[in-house]
Protein backbone atom coordinates (compact mmCIF):
# COMPACT_ATOMS: atom_id res chain seq x y z
CA MET A 1 -63.18 -69.54 -116.98
CA GLU A 2 -65.50 -69.24 -113.98
CA ASN A 3 -64.13 -67.81 -110.78
CA GLY A 4 -62.58 -70.64 -108.72
CA ALA A 5 -62.96 -73.30 -111.42
CA SER A 6 -59.98 -75.14 -112.87
CA SER A 7 -59.25 -75.09 -116.57
CA GLU A 8 -60.82 -78.57 -116.76
CA GLY A 9 -64.10 -77.22 -115.37
CA LYS A 10 -64.00 -79.31 -112.18
CA ASP A 11 -64.73 -77.75 -108.84
CA PRO A 12 -62.35 -78.62 -105.98
CA SER A 13 -64.88 -80.78 -104.11
CA ALA A 14 -65.44 -82.95 -107.21
CA PHE A 15 -61.68 -83.38 -107.63
CA LEU A 16 -61.26 -84.36 -103.97
CA GLY A 17 -64.14 -86.83 -104.20
CA GLU A 18 -62.49 -88.50 -107.19
CA ILE A 19 -59.14 -89.03 -105.44
CA ILE A 20 -60.45 -90.65 -102.24
CA GLY A 21 -58.36 -93.81 -101.78
CA ALA A 22 -55.58 -92.52 -104.03
CA PRO A 23 -52.03 -91.50 -103.07
CA VAL A 24 -51.75 -87.76 -102.41
CA THR A 25 -49.25 -85.13 -101.33
CA VAL A 26 -50.44 -82.59 -98.77
CA LYS A 27 -48.29 -79.50 -98.22
CA LEU A 28 -48.82 -77.44 -95.09
CA ASN A 29 -48.37 -73.70 -94.67
CA SER A 30 -45.27 -74.51 -92.57
CA GLY A 31 -43.63 -76.28 -95.53
CA VAL A 32 -44.01 -79.76 -94.02
CA VAL A 33 -45.25 -82.33 -96.54
CA TYR A 34 -47.37 -85.42 -95.88
CA LYS A 35 -47.68 -88.23 -98.38
CA GLY A 36 -50.22 -90.98 -98.00
CA GLU A 37 -53.51 -92.45 -99.12
CA LEU A 38 -56.43 -90.00 -98.89
CA GLN A 39 -59.22 -91.49 -96.79
CA SER A 40 -61.47 -88.48 -96.31
CA VAL A 41 -61.69 -84.73 -96.58
CA ASP A 42 -64.44 -82.43 -95.32
CA GLY A 43 -65.69 -78.94 -96.13
CA TYR A 44 -63.07 -77.41 -93.83
CA MET A 45 -60.28 -79.26 -95.70
CA ASN A 46 -59.60 -81.50 -92.69
CA ILE A 47 -57.79 -84.49 -94.15
CA ALA A 48 -57.46 -88.10 -93.01
CA LEU A 49 -54.57 -90.10 -94.48
CA GLU A 50 -53.53 -93.75 -94.22
CA LYS A 51 -50.00 -95.09 -94.68
CA SER A 52 -48.72 -91.57 -94.24
CA GLN A 53 -45.20 -90.21 -94.16
CA GLU A 54 -44.02 -86.79 -92.97
CA TYR A 55 -41.28 -84.96 -94.86
CA VAL A 56 -39.42 -81.99 -93.41
CA SER A 57 -37.07 -80.08 -95.72
CA GLY A 58 -37.51 -82.84 -98.30
CA GLN A 59 -36.28 -85.56 -95.92
CA LEU A 60 -38.44 -88.34 -94.46
CA SER A 61 -39.03 -87.41 -90.83
CA ARG A 62 -41.63 -89.92 -89.57
CA SER A 63 -43.99 -92.61 -90.79
CA TYR A 64 -47.51 -92.90 -89.41
CA GLY A 65 -50.23 -95.46 -89.91
CA ASP A 66 -53.01 -92.88 -89.88
CA ALA A 67 -52.74 -89.10 -89.77
CA PHE A 68 -55.28 -86.30 -89.43
CA VAL A 69 -54.37 -82.87 -90.77
CA ARG A 70 -56.38 -79.85 -89.70
CA GLY A 71 -57.66 -77.97 -92.72
CA ASN A 72 -56.51 -74.48 -91.77
CA ASN A 73 -52.90 -75.71 -92.03
CA VAL A 74 -53.24 -77.03 -95.61
CA LEU A 75 -51.61 -75.10 -98.43
CA TYR A 76 -52.51 -77.64 -101.15
CA ILE A 77 -53.44 -81.24 -101.92
CA ALA A 78 -52.05 -82.90 -105.04
CA ALA A 79 -52.85 -86.32 -106.51
CA ASN A 80 -49.69 -88.36 -107.11
């Protein structure tokens, strides 16, 4: 397997491009989790979500219409 490639052979930017508009889970380095619809992501992993919800310690904390997450805070993005 190439360095940085998934076992499916997709690079991360291709994966992110495929899930635009889909529901995602974004976990931050702090442990806070955001769930929403991925609207955009850039090369710095800055993320724009719609219909987003914030979860702290597994409990729903707040609901937002739109949310912007700065990329240096992102631990991972997962498609739901």
